[in-house]
Amino acid sequence: MQSLSLRTQARLWYWQRISAMVLAACVVLHIVVIVYAVHSGLSESAILARTHRNWLFASFYTVFVLACTVHVPIGLLRIAEEWLSWRGRSAHATCAVVTLALAILGMRAVFGVIL
């Protein structure tokens, strides 16, 4: 018995692939920024001074967080269904809690660095 319709499974597949592409771009850009900061000899305080009230950084990391909140729960739901045979409302509710936690903690980190 499948817990999701084929149409829903196809949509989830699509969203996970799109979010993976966004995440790949975000990770590459994030690593480039880290390498630049390290090679420039920037300290933590210098990095925070550059990101303080920088809405370009805030926008970028918000996209990063949103891509994670789409990608991770879909993958966890697949793992729960395929590896653990965990289906139904409890699996979906757990993934919803993970989604909410990722969004809250990720945006808290963005606001902490930017503000």
N, C-alpha and C. Protein backbone atom coordinates (compact mmCIF):
# COMPACT_ATOMS: atom_id res chain seq x y z
N MET A 1 0.84 -1.19 0.00
CA MET A 1 0.00 0.00 0.00
C MET A 1 0.88 1.25 0.00
N GLN A 2 0.60 2.17 -0.90
CA GLN A 2 1.36 3.41 -0.97
C GLN A 2 0.66 4.48 -0.15
N SER A 3 1.46 5.26 0.56
CA SER A 3 0.86 6.28 1.41
C SER A 3 0.57 7.57 0.63
N LEU A 4 1.20 7.74 -0.52
CA LEU A 4 1.01 8.94 -1.32
C LEU A 4 0.57 8.56 -2.72
N SER A 5 -0.23 9.41 -3.34
CA SER A 5 -0.64 9.14 -4.71
C SER A 5 0.57 9.30 -5.63
N LEU A 6 0.46 8.72 -6.80
CA LEU A 6 1.55 8.83 -7.77
C LEU A 6 1.80 10.28 -8.17
N ARG A 7 0.74 11.05 -8.27
CA ARG A 7 0.88 12.47 -8.62
C ARG A 7 1.65 13.21 -7.53
N THR A 8 1.32 12.94 -6.27
CA THR A 8 2.02 13.58 -5.15
C THR A 8 3.48 13.14 -5.11
N GLN A 9 3.74 11.86 -5.34
CA GLN A 9 5.11 11.37 -5.37
C GLN A 9 5.91 12.05 -6.48
N ALA A 10 5.29 12.25 -7.64
CA ALA A 10 5.97 12.93 -8.75
C ALA A 10 6.27 14.38 -8.39
N ARG A 11 5.33 15.04 -7.74
CA ARG A 11 5.57 16.42 -7.33
C ARG A 11 6.70 16.51 -6.31
N LEU A 12 6.70 15.60 -5.34
CA LEU A 12 7.77 15.59 -4.35
C LEU A 12 9.12 15.32 -5.02
N TRP A 13 9.16 14.41 -5.97
CA TRP A 13 10.39 14.13 -6.71
C TRP A 13 10.88 15.39 -7.40
N TYR A 14 9.95 16.07 -8.07
CA TYR A 14 10.29 17.31 -8.77
C TYR A 14 10.85 18.36 -7.81
N TRP A 15 10.15 18.58 -6.69
CA TRP A 15 10.60 19.61 -5.74
C TRP A 15 11.93 19.25 -5.11
N GLN A 16 12.16 17.97 -4.88
CA GLN A 16 13.45 17.61 -4.30
C GLN A 16 14.57 17.84 -5.30
N ARG A 17 14.35 17.57 -6.57
CA ARG A 17 15.39 17.80 -7.58
C ARG A 17 15.66 19.29 -7.78
N ILE A 18 14.60 20.08 -7.81
CA ILE A 18 14.78 21.54 -7.96
C ILE A 18 15.52 22.10 -6.74
N SER A 19 15.12 21.69 -5.55
CA SER A 19 15.80 22.19 -4.35
C SER A 19 17.25 21.71 -4.30
N ALA A 20 17.53 20.53 -4.83
CA ALA A 20 18.92 20.04 -4.88
C ALA A 20 19.76 20.93 -5.79
N MET A 21 19.20 21.37 -6.89
CA MET A 21 19.94 22.27 -7.78
C MET A 21 20.23 23.61 -7.10
N VAL A 22 19.24 24.13 -6.40
CA VAL A 22 19.42 25.39 -5.67
C VAL A 22 20.47 25.20 -4.57
N LEU A 23 20.37 24.10 -3.84
CA LEU A 23 21.34 23.82 -2.77
C LEU A 23 22.75 23.68 -3.32
N ALA A 24 22.91 23.03 -4.46
CA ALA A 24 24.24 22.87 -5.05
C ALA A 24 24.85 24.23 -5.36
N ALA A 25 24.06 25.12 -5.95
CA ALA A 25 24.56 26.46 -6.25
C ALA A 25 24.89 27.22 -4.96
N CYS A 26 24.04 27.10 -3.96
CA CYS A 26 24.27 27.78 -2.69
C CYS A 26 25.53 27.27 -1.99
N VAL A 27 25.73 25.97 -2.01
CA VAL A 27 26.92 25.40 -1.37
C VAL A 27 28.18 25.88 -2.07
N VAL A 28 28.18 25.89 -3.39
CA VAL A 28 29.36 26.35 -4.14
C VAL A 28 29.65 27.81 -3.80
N LEU A 29 28.64 28.65 -3.83
CA LEU A 29 28.85 30.07 -3.52
C LEU A 29 29.29 30.25 -2.07
N HIS A 30 28.72 29.49 -1.16
CA HIS A 30 29.09 29.56 0.25
C HIS A 30 30.57 29.19 0.43
N ILE A 31 31.02 28.14 -0.24
CA ILE A 31 32.42 27.73 -0.15
C ILE A 31 33.34 28.79 -0.76
N VAL A 32 32.92 29.40 -1.86
CA VAL A 32 33.71 30.48 -2.46
C VAL A 32 33.87 31.63 -1.47
N VAL A 33 32.81 31.99 -0.79
CA VAL A 33 32.87 33.07 0.20
C VAL A 33 33.80 32.69 1.36
N ILE A 34 33.73 31.45 1.80
CA ILE A 34 34.59 30.99 2.89
C ILE A 34 36.06 31.05 2.46
N VAL A 35 36.36 30.55 1.26
CA VAL A 35 37.74 30.57 0.76
C VAL A 35 38.23 32.01 0.65
N TYR A 36 37.39 32.90 0.14
CA TYR A 36 37.77 34.31 0.04
C TYR A 36 38.07 34.89 1.41
N ALA A 37 37.22 34.61 2.38
CA ALA A 37 37.41 35.14 3.73
C ALA A 37 38.69 34.61 4.36
N VAL A 38 38.97 33.33 4.17
CA VAL A 38 40.17 32.73 4.75
C VAL A 38 41.42 33.30 4.10
N HIS A 39 41.41 33.37 2.78
CA HIS A 39 42.59 33.89 2.07
C HIS A 39 42.80 35.38 2.29
N SER A 40 41.73 36.08 2.61
CA SER A 40 41.86 37.52 2.91
C SER A 40 42.27 37.76 4.36
N GLY A 41 42.29 36.72 5.15
CA GLY A 41 42.67 36.84 6.55
C GLY A 41 41.64 37.55 7.41
N LEU A 42 40.38 37.43 7.03
CA LEU A 42 39.33 38.10 7.79
C LEU A 42 39.07 37.37 9.10
N SER A 43 38.91 38.12 10.15
CA SER A 43 38.56 37.55 11.45
C SER A 43 37.04 37.42 11.54
N GLU A 44 36.59 36.77 12.61
CA GLU A 44 35.14 36.62 12.80
C GLU A 44 34.46 37.98 12.90
N SER A 45 35.10 38.89 13.61
CA SER A 45 34.49 40.22 13.78
C SER A 45 34.46 40.98 12.45
N ALA A 46 35.47 40.79 11.61
CA ALA A 46 35.48 41.45 10.30
C ALA A 46 34.39 40.88 9.40
N ILE A 47 34.19 39.57 9.48
CA ILE A 47 33.14 38.93 8.68
C ILE A 47 31.77 39.41 9.14
N LEU A 48 31.55 39.42 10.45
CA LEU A 48 30.26 39.89 10.97
C LEU A 48 30.03 41.36 10.65
N ALA A 49 31.10 42.16 10.65
CA ALA A 49 30.95 43.58 10.28
C ALA A 49 30.52 43.71 8.83
N ARG A 50 31.02 42.84 7.96
CA ARG A 50 30.63 42.90 6.54
C ARG A 50 29.22 42.38 6.30
N THR A 51 28.78 41.44 7.11
CA THR A 51 27.44 40.89 6.89
C THR A 51 26.35 41.65 7.64
N HIS A 52 26.74 42.47 8.61
CA HIS A 52 25.77 43.23 9.40
C HIS A 52 24.94 44.12 8.50
N ARG A 53 23.63 43.93 8.55
CA ARG A 53 22.66 44.70 7.76
C ARG A 53 22.90 44.61 6.25
N ASN A 54 23.55 43.55 5.81
CA ASN A 54 23.77 43.34 4.38
C ASN A 54 22.63 42.46 3.86
N TRP A 55 21.71 43.08 3.16
CA TRP A 55 20.50 42.37 2.72
C TRP A 55 20.78 41.42 1.57
N LEU A 56 21.91 41.58 0.87
CA LEU A 56 22.29 40.62 -0.15
C LEU A 56 22.65 39.28 0.51
N PHE A 57 23.45 39.34 1.57
CA PHE A 57 23.76 38.13 2.33
C PHE A 57 22.49 37.53 2.93
N ALA A 58 21.64 38.36 3.48
CA ALA A 58 20.39 37.88 4.08
C ALA A 58 19.54 37.16 3.04
N SER A 59 19.43 37.73 1.86
CA SER A 59 18.64 37.11 0.79
C SER A 59 19.23 35.78 0.36
N PHE A 60 20.55 35.76 0.18
CA PHE A 60 21.22 34.52 -0.24
C PHE A 60 21.01 33.41 0.79
N TYR A 61 21.26 33.70 2.05
CA TYR A 61 21.14 32.66 3.07
C TYR A 61 19.68 32.30 3.35
N THR A 62 18.76 33.20 3.10
CA THR A 62 17.33 32.85 3.20
C THR A 62 16.97 31.84 2.12
N VAL A 63 17.46 32.05 0.90
CA VAL A 63 17.23 31.08 -0.18
C VAL A 63 17.85 29.73 0.20
N PHE A 64 19.05 29.77 0.79
CA PHE A 64 19.73 28.56 1.24
C PHE A 64 18.86 27.81 2.25
N VAL A 65 18.34 28.52 3.24
CA VAL A 65 17.50 27.92 4.28
C VAL A 65 16.21 27.36 3.66
N LEU A 66 15.59 28.10 2.78
CA LEU A 66 14.34 27.63 2.17
C LEU A 66 14.57 26.38 1.33
N ALA A 67 15.69 26.34 0.60
CA ALA A 67 16.00 25.14 -0.18
C ALA A 67 16.19 23.94 0.74
N CYS A 68 16.83 24.15 1.88
CA CYS A 68 17.00 23.06 2.86
C CYS A 68 15.67 22.60 3.41
N THR A 69 14.78 23.55 3.69
CA THR A 69 13.48 23.18 4.27
C THR A 69 12.59 22.45 3.28
N VAL A 70 12.87 22.59 1.99
CA VAL A 70 12.14 21.81 0.99
C VAL A 70 12.80 20.46 0.80
N HIS A 71 14.11 20.45 0.67
CA HIS A 71 14.84 19.25 0.29
C HIS A 71 14.90 18.18 1.39
N VAL A 72 15.28 18.57 2.57
CA VAL A 72 15.55 17.61 3.65
C VAL A 72 14.31 16.80 4.06
N PRO A 73 13.18 17.42 4.33
CA PRO A 73 12.02 16.62 4.76
C PRO A 73 11.53 15.62 3.71
N ILE A 74 11.64 15.98 2.44
CA ILE A 74 11.23 15.04 1.39
C ILE A 74 12.14 13.82 1.42
N GLY A 75 13.43 14.06 1.56
CA GLY A 75 14.37 12.95 1.65
C GLY A 75 14.14 12.10 2.89
N LEU A 76 13.87 12.75 4.02
CA LEU A 76 13.59 12.01 5.25
C LEU A 76 12.32 11.17 5.12
N LEU A 77 11.32 11.71 4.45
CA LEU A 77 10.08 10.95 4.24
C LEU A 77 10.35 9.71 3.39
N ARG A 78 11.16 9.86 2.35
CA ARG A 78 11.51 8.71 1.51
C ARG A 78 12.28 7.67 2.32
N ILE A 79 13.23 8.12 3.14
CA ILE A 79 14.01 7.19 3.97
C ILE A 79 13.08 6.47 4.95
N ALA A 80 12.18 7.23 5.58
CA ALA A 80 11.25 6.63 6.53
C ALA A 80 10.38 5.57 5.85
N GLU A 81 9.94 5.86 4.64
CA GLU A 81 9.07 4.91 3.93
C GLU A 81 9.84 3.71 3.40
N GLU A 82 11.01 3.94 2.80
CA GLU A 82 11.71 2.85 2.13
C GLU A 82 12.56 2.02 3.08
N TRP A 83 13.23 2.63 4.02
CA TRP A 83 14.15 1.90 4.88
C TRP A 83 13.48 1.42 6.17
N LEU A 84 12.60 2.24 6.70
CA LEU A 84 12.00 1.92 7.99
C LEU A 84 10.58 1.39 7.88
N SER A 85 10.03 1.39 6.66
CA SER A 85 8.63 1.01 6.42
C SER A 85 7.68 1.82 7.29
N TRP A 86 8.01 3.08 7.49
CA TRP A 86 7.21 3.98 8.32
C TRP A 86 6.38 4.85 7.39
N ARG A 87 5.09 4.61 7.38
CA ARG A 87 4.19 5.33 6.49
C ARG A 87 3.05 5.92 7.30
N GLY A 88 2.32 6.78 6.67
CA GLY A 88 1.13 7.31 7.30
C GLY A 88 1.32 8.68 7.92
N ARG A 89 0.31 9.04 8.69
CA ARG A 89 0.27 10.38 9.28
C ARG A 89 1.44 10.68 10.21
N SER A 90 1.87 9.68 10.96
CA SER A 90 2.96 9.94 11.91
C SER A 90 4.27 10.26 11.19
N ALA A 91 4.53 9.59 10.07
CA ALA A 91 5.73 9.90 9.28
C ALA A 91 5.62 11.30 8.69
N HIS A 92 4.46 11.65 8.17
CA HIS A 92 4.26 12.98 7.60
C HIS A 92 4.34 14.06 8.67
N ALA A 93 3.78 13.78 9.83
CA ALA A 93 3.83 14.76 10.93
C ALA A 93 5.27 14.98 11.39
N THR A 94 6.04 13.91 11.47
CA THR A 94 7.44 14.05 11.87
C THR A 94 8.21 14.88 10.86
N CYS A 95 7.98 14.64 9.58
CA CYS A 95 8.65 15.44 8.54
C CYS A 95 8.19 16.89 8.59
N ALA A 96 6.95 17.14 8.94
CA ALA A 96 6.47 18.51 9.08
C ALA A 96 7.17 19.21 10.25
N VAL A 97 7.39 18.48 11.33
CA VAL A 97 8.11 19.05 12.48
C VAL A 97 9.54 19.36 12.09
N VAL A 98 10.18 18.47 11.34
CA VAL A 98 11.55 18.72 10.88
C VAL A 98 11.59 19.95 9.97
N THR A 99 10.60 20.07 9.10
CA THR A 99 10.52 21.24 8.22
C THR A 99 10.42 22.52 9.02
N LEU A 100 9.54 22.53 9.99
CA LEU A 100 9.37 23.71 10.83
C LEU A 100 10.65 24.03 11.60
N ALA A 101 11.28 23.01 12.16
CA ALA A 101 12.52 23.22 12.92
C ALA A 101 13.63 23.76 12.02
N LEU A 102 13.76 23.20 10.82
CA LEU A 102 14.79 23.71 9.89
C LEU A 102 14.53 25.17 9.54
N ALA A 103 13.29 25.50 9.26
CA ALA A 103 12.96 26.88 8.91
C ALA A 103 13.24 27.84 10.06
N ILE A 104 12.82 27.48 11.25
CA ILE A 104 13.00 28.37 12.41
C ILE A 104 14.48 28.51 12.75
N LEU A 105 15.18 27.39 12.86
CA LEU A 105 16.60 27.46 13.23
C LEU A 105 17.45 28.12 12.14
N GLY A 106 17.13 27.83 10.89
CA GLY A 106 17.88 28.44 9.78
C GLY A 106 17.68 29.94 9.72
N MET A 107 16.43 30.38 9.85
CA MET A 107 16.18 31.82 9.79
C MET A 107 16.71 32.52 11.04
N ARG A 108 16.71 31.82 12.14
CA ARG A 108 17.31 32.40 13.37
C ARG A 108 18.80 32.65 13.15
N ALA A 109 19.47 31.71 12.49
CA ALA A 109 20.89 31.89 12.18
C ALA A 109 21.11 33.05 11.21
N VAL A 110 20.25 33.15 10.20
CA VAL A 110 20.36 34.26 9.24
C VAL A 110 20.19 35.60 9.97
N PHE A 111 19.15 35.70 10.78
CA PHE A 111 18.92 36.96 11.51
C PHE A 111 20.05 37.24 12.50
N GLY A 112 20.60 36.19 13.10
CA GLY A 112 21.69 36.38 14.05
C GLY A 112 22.93 36.96 13.40
N VAL A 113 23.21 36.55 12.19
CA VAL A 113 24.39 37.06 11.49
C VAL A 113 24.14 38.44 10.87
N ILE A 114 22.96 38.63 10.35
CA ILE A 114 22.65 39.86 9.62
C ILE A 114 22.32 41.02 10.56
N LEU A 115 21.58 40.75 11.63
CA LEU A 115 21.13 41.84 12.50
C LEU A 115 22.06 42.11 13.65
